[in-house]
């Protein structure tokens, strides 16, 4: 008996998918499925989605940025000789 005469052994051990061994196994499977290059991108998008969900549930919204950047001015470039010949 682990925790005393009134405590069951099954309650004192970690069960389900929360034990460290299971978490490591899930991470290895994710690494094999998605690859090392995609995992940071997936984690970033998952974190952003969780943050947006939390903000929408709690009602915390970041202030909207209504400042527009000025458009870039471009000068027309003359067509090259080859473009003129093909037209």
PDB file of N, CA and C in Angstrom:
ATOM      1  N   UNK A   1       0.839  -1.169   0.000  1.00  0.00           N
ATOM      2  CA  UNK A   1       0.000   0.000   0.000  1.00  0.00           C
ATOM      3  C   UNK A   1       0.888   1.238   0.000  1.00  0.00           C
ATOM      4  N   UNK A   2       0.508   2.184  -0.815  1.00  0.00           N
ATOM      5  CA  UNK A   2       1.375   3.331  -1.015  1.00  0.00           C
ATOM      6  C   UNK A   2       1.044   4.473  -0.065  1.00  0.00           C
ATOM      7  N   UNK A   3      -0.202   4.912  -0.019  1.00  0.00           N
ATOM      8  CA  UNK A   3      -0.548   6.112   0.711  1.00  0.00           C
ATOM      9  C   UNK A   3      -1.235   5.860   2.032  1.00  0.00           C
ATOM     10  N   UNK A   4      -1.300   4.690   2.482  1.00  0.00           N
ATOM     11  CA  UNK A   4      -1.980   4.392   3.732  1.00  0.00           C
ATOM     12  C   UNK A   4      -3.060   3.352   3.512  1.00  0.00           C
ATOM     13  N   UNK A   5      -3.722   2.943   4.558  1.00  0.00           N
ATOM     14  CA  UNK A   5      -4.690   1.863   4.430  1.00  0.00           C
ATOM     15  C   UNK A   5      -5.952   2.272   3.680  1.00  0.00           C
ATOM     16  N   UNK A   6      -6.291   3.538   3.627  1.00  0.00           N
ATOM     17  CA  UNK A   6      -7.534   3.955   2.975  1.00  0.00           C
ATOM     18  C   UNK A   6      -7.337   4.443   1.549  1.00  0.00           C
ATOM     19  N   UNK A   7      -6.107   4.523   1.065  1.00  0.00           N
ATOM     20  CA  UNK A   7      -5.864   5.050  -0.274  1.00  0.00           C
ATOM     21  C   UNK A   7      -5.595   3.908  -1.239  1.00  0.00           C
ATOM     22  N   UNK A   8      -6.213   3.982  -2.381  1.00  0.00           N
ATOM     23  CA  UNK A   8      -6.069   2.953  -3.411  1.00  0.00           C
ATOM     24  C   UNK A   8      -4.763   3.190  -4.178  1.00  0.00           C
ATOM     25  N   UNK A   9      -4.123   2.132  -4.622  1.00  0.00           N
ATOM     26  CA  UNK A   9      -2.864   2.245  -5.358  1.00  0.00           C
ATOM     27  C   UNK A   9      -3.074   2.946  -6.692  1.00  0.00           C
ATOM     28  N   UNK A  10      -4.179   2.694  -7.358  1.00  0.00           N
ATOM     29  CA  UNK A  10      -4.434   3.271  -8.674  1.00  0.00           C
ATOM     30  C   UNK A  10      -4.568   4.786  -8.607  1.00  0.00           C
ATOM     31  N   UNK A  11      -5.033   5.334  -7.515  1.00  0.00           N
ATOM     32  CA  UNK A  11      -5.182   6.782  -7.407  1.00  0.00           C
ATOM     33  C   UNK A  11      -3.845   7.482  -7.203  1.00  0.00           C
ATOM     34  N   UNK A  12      -2.878   6.812  -6.625  1.00  0.00           N
ATOM     35  CA  UNK A  12      -1.608   7.456  -6.327  1.00  0.00           C
ATOM     36  C   UNK A  12      -0.650   7.450  -7.513  1.00  0.00           C
ATOM     37  N   UNK A  13      -0.859   6.594  -8.492  1.00  0.00           N
ATOM     38  CA  UNK A  13       0.013   6.574  -9.668  1.00  0.00           C
ATOM     39  C   UNK A  13      -0.566   7.478 -10.734  1.00  0.00           C
ATOM     40  N   UNK A  14       0.311   7.947 -11.611  1.00  0.00           N
ATOM     41  CA  UNK A  14      -0.151   8.811 -12.695  1.00  0.00           C
ATOM     42  C   UNK A  14      -0.761   7.941 -13.777  1.00  0.00           C
ATOM     43  N   UNK A  15      -1.972   8.227 -14.137  1.00  0.00           N
ATOM     44  CA  UNK A  15      -2.645   7.455 -15.178  1.00  0.00           C
ATOM     45  C   UNK A  15      -3.057   8.391 -16.297  1.00  0.00           C
ATOM     46  N   UNK A  16      -3.452   7.818 -17.394  1.00  0.00           N
ATOM     47  CA  UNK A  16      -3.896   8.619 -18.528  1.00  0.00           C
ATOM     48  C   UNK A  16      -2.718   9.123 -19.334  1.00  0.00           C
ATOM     49  N   UNK A  17      -2.914  10.221 -20.059  1.00  0.00           N
ATOM     50  CA  UNK A  17      -1.889  10.776 -20.925  1.00  0.00           C
ATOM     51  C   UNK A  17      -1.105  11.892 -20.251  1.00  0.00           C
ATOM     52  N   UNK A  18      -1.090  11.928 -18.910  1.00  0.00           N
ATOM     53  CA  UNK A  18      -0.378  12.997 -18.221  1.00  0.00           C
ATOM     54  C   UNK A  18       0.930  12.537 -17.599  1.00  0.00           C
ATOM     55  N   UNK A  19       1.260  11.279 -17.707  1.00  0.00           N
ATOM     56  CA  UNK A  19       2.526  10.830 -17.138  1.00  0.00           C
ATOM     57  C   UNK A  19       3.675  11.292 -18.040  1.00  0.00           C
ATOM     58  N   UNK A  20       4.848  11.507 -17.495  1.00  0.00           N
ATOM     59  CA  UNK A  20       5.985  11.978 -18.305  1.00  0.00           C
ATOM     60  C   UNK A  20       6.327  11.044 -19.462  1.00  0.00           C
ATOM     61  N   UNK A  21       6.186   9.759 -19.267  1.00  0.00           N
ATOM     62  CA  UNK A  21       6.489   8.807 -20.335  1.00  0.00           C
ATOM     63  C   UNK A  21       5.536   8.994 -21.506  1.00  0.00           C
ATOM     64  N   UNK A  22       4.265   9.193 -21.216  1.00  0.00           N
ATOM     65  CA  UNK A  22       3.292   9.388 -22.282  1.00  0.00           C
ATOM     66  C   UNK A  22       3.515  10.706 -23.012  1.00  0.00           C
ATOM     67  N   UNK A  23       3.888  11.736 -22.290  1.00  0.00           N
ATOM     68  CA  UNK A  23       4.134  13.036 -22.926  1.00  0.00           C
ATOM     69  C   UNK A  23       5.332  12.947 -23.866  1.00  0.00           C
ATOM     70  N   UNK A  24       6.390  12.273 -23.443  1.00  0.00           N
ATOM     71  CA  UNK A  24       7.569  12.092 -24.298  1.00  0.00           C
ATOM     72  C   UNK A  24       7.195  11.279 -25.526  1.00  0.00           C
ATOM     73  N   UNK A  25       6.392  10.259 -25.350  1.00  0.00           N
ATOM     74  CA  UNK A  25       5.954   9.427 -26.472  1.00  0.00           C
ATOM     75  C   UNK A  25       5.130  10.248 -27.461  1.00  0.00           C
ATOM     76  N   UNK A  26       4.234  11.076 -26.970  1.00  0.00           N
ATOM     77  CA  UNK A  26       3.442  11.932 -27.860  1.00  0.00           C
ATOM     78  C   UNK A  26       4.309  12.931 -28.611  1.00  0.00           C
ATOM     79  N   UNK A  27       5.312  13.493 -27.941  1.00  0.00           N
ATOM     80  CA  UNK A  27       6.212  14.433 -28.609  1.00  0.00           C
ATOM     81  C   UNK A  27       7.038  13.751 -29.698  1.00  0.00           C
ATOM     82  N   UNK A  28       7.477  12.533 -29.445  1.00  0.00           N
ATOM     83  CA  UNK A  28       8.226  11.791 -30.466  1.00  0.00           C
ATOM     84  C   UNK A  28       7.354  11.463 -31.666  1.00  0.00           C
ATOM     85  N   UNK A  29       6.104  11.098 -31.416  1.00  0.00           N
ATOM     86  CA  UNK A  29       5.188  10.808 -32.521  1.00  0.00           C
ATOM     87  C   UNK A  29       4.933  12.076 -33.328  1.00  0.00           C
ATOM     88  N   UNK A  30       4.752  13.201 -32.654  1.00  0.00           N
ATOM     89  CA  UNK A  30       4.550  14.474 -33.360  1.00  0.00           C
ATOM     90  C   UNK A  30       5.782  14.831 -34.183  1.00  0.00           C
ATOM     91  N   UNK A  31       6.968  14.586 -33.641  1.00  0.00           N
ATOM     92  CA  UNK A  31       8.203  14.859 -34.373  1.00  0.00           C
ATOM     93  C   UNK A  31       8.293  14.002 -35.634  1.00  0.00           C
ATOM     94  N   UNK A  32       7.909  12.743 -35.523  1.00  0.00           N
ATOM     95  CA  UNK A  32       7.944  11.859 -36.686  1.00  0.00           C
ATOM     96  C   UNK A  32       6.896  12.244 -37.722  1.00  0.00           C
ATOM     97  N   UNK A  33       5.720  12.660 -37.279  1.00  0.00           N
ATOM     98  CA  UNK A  33       4.650  12.996 -38.213  1.00  0.00           C
ATOM     99  C   UNK A  33       4.899  14.306 -38.942  1.00  0.00           C
ATOM    100  N   UNK A  34       5.295  15.332 -38.219  1.00  0.00           N
ATOM    101  CA  UNK A  34       5.384  16.660 -38.813  1.00  0.00           C
ATOM    102  C   UNK A  34       6.798  17.083 -39.183  1.00  0.00           C
ATOM    103  N   UNK A  35       7.801  16.524 -38.567  1.00  0.00           N
ATOM    104  CA  UNK A  35       9.170  16.906 -38.864  1.00  0.00           C
ATOM    105  C   UNK A  35       9.626  18.066 -37.997  1.00  0.00           C
ATOM    106  N   UNK A  36      10.927  18.228 -37.935  1.00  0.00           N
ATOM    107  CA  UNK A  36      11.511  19.233 -37.051  1.00  0.00           C
ATOM    108  C   UNK A  36      11.279  20.656 -37.555  1.00  0.00           C
ATOM    109  N   UNK A  37      11.122  20.840 -38.853  1.00  0.00           N
ATOM    110  CA  UNK A  37      10.948  22.186 -39.389  1.00  0.00           C
ATOM    111  C   UNK A  37       9.533  22.717 -39.150  1.00  0.00           C
ATOM    112  N   UNK A  38       8.538  21.841 -39.129  1.00  0.00           N
ATOM    113  CA  UNK A  38       7.151  22.296 -38.989  1.00  0.00           C
ATOM    114  C   UNK A  38       6.715  22.424 -37.540  1.00  0.00           C
ATOM    115  N   UNK A  39       7.380  21.763 -36.604  1.00  0.00           N
ATOM    116  CA  UNK A  39       6.938  21.803 -35.213  1.00  0.00           C
ATOM    117  C   UNK A  39       6.943  23.209 -34.606  1.00  0.00           C
ATOM    118  N   UNK A  40       7.975  24.040 -34.792  1.00  0.00           N
ATOM    119  CA  UNK A  40       7.892  25.402 -34.236  1.00  0.00           C
ATOM    120  C   UNK A  40       6.750  26.217 -34.830  1.00  0.00           C
ATOM    121  N   UNK A  41       6.502  26.047 -36.120  1.00  0.00           N
ATOM    122  CA  UNK A  41       5.407  26.763 -36.769  1.00  0.00           C
ATOM    123  C   UNK A  41       4.056  26.315 -36.209  1.00  0.00           C
ATOM    124  N   UNK A  42       3.894  25.029 -35.996  1.00  0.00           N
ATOM    125  CA  UNK A  42       2.652  24.498 -35.432  1.00  0.00           C
ATOM    126  C   UNK A  42       2.473  24.991 -34.006  1.00  0.00           C
ATOM    127  N   UNK A  43       3.534  24.975 -33.216  1.00  0.00           N
ATOM    128  CA  UNK A  43       3.450  25.456 -31.838  1.00  0.00           C
ATOM    129  C   UNK A  43       3.121  26.928 -31.768  1.00  0.00           C
ATOM    130  N   UNK A  44       3.723  27.715 -32.661  1.00  0.00           N
ATOM    131  CA  UNK A  44       3.457  29.151 -32.688  1.00  0.00           C
ATOM    132  C   UNK A  44       2.003  29.431 -33.032  1.00  0.00           C
ATOM    133  N   UNK A  45       1.480  28.746 -34.055  1.00  0.00           N
ATOM    134  CA  UNK A  45       0.087  28.982 -34.445  1.00  0.00           C
ATOM    135  C   UNK A  45      -0.877  28.473 -33.382  1.00  0.00           C
ATOM    136  N   UNK A  46      -0.527  27.379 -32.719  1.00  0.00           N
ATOM    137  CA  UNK A  46      -1.366  26.874 -31.633  1.00  0.00           C
ATOM    138  C   UNK A  46      -1.385  27.851 -30.468  1.00  0.00           C
ATOM    139  N   UNK A  47      -0.236  28.418 -30.129  1.00  0.00           N
ATOM    140  CA  UNK A  47      -0.168  29.400 -29.051  1.00  0.00           C
ATOM    141  C   UNK A  47      -0.938  30.663 -29.379  1.00  0.00           C
ATOM    142  N   UNK A  48      -0.851  31.120 -30.625  1.00  0.00           N
ATOM    143  CA  UNK A  48      -1.597  32.296 -31.048  1.00  0.00           C
ATOM    144  C   UNK A  48      -3.096  32.034 -30.974  1.00  0.00           C
ATOM    145  N   UNK A  49      -3.508  30.865 -31.422  1.00  0.00           N
ATOM    146  CA  UNK A  49      -4.928  30.519 -31.363  1.00  0.00           C
ATOM    147  C   UNK A  49      -5.433  30.422 -29.944  1.00  0.00           C
ATOM    148  N   UNK A  50      -4.640  29.839 -29.056  1.00  0.00           N
ATOM    149  CA  UNK A  50      -5.048  29.740 -27.654  1.00  0.00           C
ATOM    150  C   UNK A  50      -5.134  31.124 -27.021  1.00  0.00           C
ATOM    151  N   UNK A  51      -4.194  32.013 -27.347  1.00  0.00           N
ATOM    152  CA  UNK A  51      -4.206  33.368 -26.806  1.00  0.00           C
ATOM    153  C   UNK A  51      -5.430  34.129 -27.300  1.00  0.00           C
ATOM    154  N   UNK A  52      -5.754  33.996 -28.598  1.00  0.00           N
ATOM    155  CA  UNK A  52      -6.933  34.665 -29.139  1.00  0.00           C
ATOM    156  C   UNK A  52      -8.209  34.121 -28.505  1.00  0.00           C
ATOM    157  N   UNK A  53      -8.279  32.814 -28.287  1.00  0.00           N
ATOM    158  CA  UNK A  53      -9.444  32.217 -27.655  1.00  0.00           C
ATOM    159  C   UNK A  53      -9.594  32.723 -26.226  1.00  0.00           C
ATOM    160  N   UNK A  54      -8.487  32.759 -25.491  1.00  0.00           N
ATOM    161  CA  UNK A  54      -8.523  33.242 -24.107  1.00  0.00           C
ATOM    162  C   UNK A  54      -8.968  34.697 -24.055  1.00  0.00           C
ATOM    163  N   UNK A  55      -8.441  35.518 -24.967  1.00  0.00           N
ATOM    164  CA  UNK A  55      -8.821  36.924 -24.998  1.00  0.00           C
ATOM    165  C   UNK A  55     -10.301  37.095 -25.344  1.00  0.00           C
ATOM    166  N   UNK A  56     -10.816  36.274 -26.237  1.00  0.00           N
ATOM    167  CA  UNK A  56     -12.222  36.405 -26.603  1.00  0.00           C
ATOM    168  C   UNK A  56     -13.134  35.932 -25.478  1.00  0.00           C
ATOM    169  N   UNK A  57     -12.706  34.947 -24.707  1.00  0.00           N
ATOM    170  CA  UNK A  57     -13.522  34.459 -23.598  1.00  0.00           C
ATOM    171  C   UNK A  57     -13.516  35.442 -22.443  1.00  0.00           C
ATOM    172  N   UNK A  58     -12.352  35.995 -22.125  1.00  0.00           N
ATOM    173  CA  UNK A  58     -12.258  36.913 -20.990  1.00  0.00           C
ATOM    174  C   UNK A  58     -12.680  38.331 -21.358  1.00  0.00           C
ATOM    175  N   UNK A  59     -12.774  38.629 -22.629  1.00  0.00           N
ATOM    176  CA  UNK A  59     -13.170  39.967 -23.050  1.00  0.00           C
ATOM    177  C   UNK A  59     -12.007  40.922 -23.168  1.00  0.00           C
ATOM    178  N   UNK A  60     -10.797  40.449 -22.989  1.00  0.00           N
ATOM    179  CA  UNK A  60      -9.612  41.293 -23.147  1.00  0.00           C
ATOM    180  C   UNK A  60      -9.257  41.355 -24.623  1.00  0.00           C
ATOM    181  N   UNK A  61      -9.329  42.541 -25.172  1.00  0.00           N
ATOM    182  CA  UNK A  61      -8.928  42.692 -26.565  1.00  0.00           C
ATOM    183  C   UNK A  61      -7.851  43.747 -26.638  1.00  0.00           C
ATOM    184  N   UNK A  62      -6.796  43.478 -27.369  1.00  0.00           N
ATOM    185  CA  UNK A  62      -5.745  44.493 -27.507  1.00  0.00           C
ATOM    186  C   UNK A  62      -6.274  45.668 -28.312  1.00  0.00           C
ATOM    187  N   UNK A  63      -5.778  46.866 -28.041  1.00  0.00           N
ATOM    188  CA  UNK A  63      -6.264  48.029 -28.791  1.00  0.00           C
ATOM    189  C   UNK A  63      -5.934  47.887 -30.267  1.00  0.00           C
ATOM    190  N   UNK A  64      -6.919  48.238 -31.066  1.00  0.00           N
ATOM    191  CA  UNK A  64      -6.745  48.144 -32.510  1.00  0.00           C
ATOM    192  C   UNK A  64      -5.791  49.229 -32.982  1.00  0.00           C
ATOM    193  N   UNK A  65      -4.946  48.904 -33.893  1.00  0.00           N
ATOM    194  CA  UNK A  65      -4.037  49.886 -34.456  1.00  0.00           C
ATOM    195  C   UNK A  65      -4.639  50.377 -35.772  1.00  0.00           C
ATOM    196  N   UNK A  66      -5.097  51.620 -35.772  1.00  0.00           N
ATOM    197  CA  UNK A  66      -5.745  52.174 -36.943  1.00  0.00           C
ATOM    198  C   UNK A  66      -4.801  53.027 -37.775  1.00  0.00           C
ATOM    199  N   UNK A  67      -3.548  53.037 -37.455  1.00  0.00           N
ATOM    200  CA  UNK A  67      -2.599  53.837 -38.203  1.00  0.00           C
ATOM    201  C   UNK A  67      -2.228  53.102 -39.483  1.00  0.00           C
ATOM    202  N   UNK A  68      -2.401  53.795 -40.573  1.00  0.00           N
ATOM    203  CA  UNK A  68      -2.036  53.219 -41.860  1.00  0.00           C
ATOM    204  C   UNK A  68      -0.657  53.718 -42.256  1.00  0.00           C
ATOM    205  N   UNK A  69       0.091  52.849 -42.854  1.00  0.00           N
ATOM    206  CA  UNK A  69       1.410  53.256 -43.326  1.00  0.00           C
ATOM    207  C   UNK A  69       1.236  53.991 -44.657  1.00  0.00           C
ATOM    208  N   UNK A  70       2.030  55.008 -44.904  1.00  0.00           N
ATOM    209  CA  UNK A  70       1.902  55.726 -46.171  1.00  0.00           C
ATOM    210  C   UNK A  70       2.311  54.823 -47.325  1.00  0.00           C
ATOM    211  N   UNK A  71       1.638  54.955 -48.453  1.00  0.00           N
ATOM    212  CA  UNK A  71       1.986  54.101 -49.597  1.00  0.00           C
ATOM    213  C   UNK A  71       3.369  54.456 -50.134  1.00  0.00           C
ATOM    214  N   UNK A  72       4.025  53.459 -50.608  1.00  0.00           N
ATOM    215  CA  UNK A  72       5.354  53.679 -51.175  1.00  0.00           C
ATOM    216  C   UNK A  72       5.201  54.314 -52.549  1.00  0.00           C
ATOM    217  N   UNK A  73       6.009  55.296 -52.808  1.00  0.00           N
ATOM    218  CA  UNK A  73       5.976  55.939 -54.123  1.00  0.00           C
ATOM    219  C   UNK A  73       6.974  55.226 -55.016  1.00  0.00           C
ATOM    220  N   UNK A  74       6.492  54.832 -56.152  1.00  0.00           N
ATOM    221  CA  UNK A  74       7.359  54.143 -57.104  1.00  0.00           C
ATOM    222  C   UNK A  74       7.428  54.981 -58.375  1.00  0.00           C
ATOM    223  N   UNK A  75       8.564  54.974 -58.959  1.00  0.00           N
ATOM    224  CA  UNK A  75       8.741  55.691 -60.225  1.00  0.00           C
ATOM    225  C   UNK A  75       8.731  54.669 -61.337  1.00  0.00           C
ATOM    226  N   UNK A  76       8.044  54.972 -62.412  1.00  0.00           N
ATOM    227  CA  UNK A  76       8.016  54.012 -63.521  1.00  0.00           C
ATOM    228  C   UNK A  76       9.410  53.875 -64.135  1.00  0.00           C
ATOM    229  N   UNK A  77       9.778  52.670 -64.376  1.00  0.00           N
ATOM    230  CA  UNK A  77      11.083  52.413 -64.976  1.00  0.00           C
ATOM    231  C   UNK A  77      10.890  52.224 -66.468  1.00  0.00           C
ATOM    232  N   UNK A  78      11.797  52.725 -67.261  1.00  0.00           N
ATOM    233  CA  UNK A  78      11.655  52.566 -68.713  1.00  0.00           C
ATOM    234  C   UNK A  78      11.814  51.104 -69.113  1.00  0.00           C
ATOM    235  N   UNK A  79      11.085  50.738 -70.123  1.00  0.00           N
ATOM    236  CA  UNK A  79      11.147  49.360 -70.603  1.00  0.00           C
ATOM    237  C   UNK A  79      12.498  49.109 -71.255  1.00  0.00           C
ATOM    238  N   UNK A  80      12.971  47.905 -71.092  1.00  0.00           N
ATOM    239  CA  UNK A  80      14.263  47.577 -71.690  1.00  0.00           C
ATOM    240  C   UNK A  80      14.100  47.403 -73.200  1.00  0.00           C
ATOM    241  N   UNK A  81      15.186  47.355 -73.892  1.00  0.00           N
ATOM    242  CA  UNK A  81      15.177  47.240 -75.345  1.00  0.00           C
ATOM    243  C   UNK A  81      14.492  45.959 -75.801  1.00  0.00           C
ATOM    244  N   UNK A  82      14.693  44.873 -75.066  1.00  0.00           N
ATOM    245  CA  UNK A  82      14.116  43.596 -75.470  1.00  0.00           C
ATOM    246  C   UNK A  82      12.598  43.647 -75.332  1.00  0.00           C
ATOM    247  N   UNK A  83      12.081  44.324 -74.294  1.00  0.00           N
ATOM    248  CA  UNK A  83      10.643  44.435 -74.128  1.00  0.00           C
ATOM    249  C   UNK A  83      10.037  45.286 -75.253  1.00  0.00           C
ATOM    250  N   UNK A  84      10.739  46.309 -75.688  1.00  0.00           N
ATOM    251  CA  UNK A  84      10.239  47.159 -76.754  1.00  0.00           C
ATOM    252  C   UNK A  84      10.191  46.396 -78.084  1.00  0.00           C
ATOM    253  N   UNK A  85      11.169  45.564 -78.331  1.00  0.00           N
ATOM    254  CA  UNK A  85      11.225  44.810 -79.576  1.00  0.00           C
ATOM    255  C   UNK A  85      10.128  43.757 -79.643  1.00  0.00           C
ATOM    256  N   UNK A  86       9.768  43.164 -78.510  1.00  0.00           N
ATOM    257  CA  UNK A  86       8.771  42.094 -78.522  1.00  0.00           C
ATOM    258  C   UNK A  86       7.358  42.646 -78.671  1.00  0.00           C
ATOM    259  N   UNK A  87       7.154  43.936 -78.438  1.00  0.00           N
ATOM    260  CA  UNK A  87       5.808  44.522 -78.520  1.00  0.00           C
ATOM    261  C   UNK A  87       5.540  45.044 -79.865  1.00  0.00           C
TER     262      UNK A  87
END
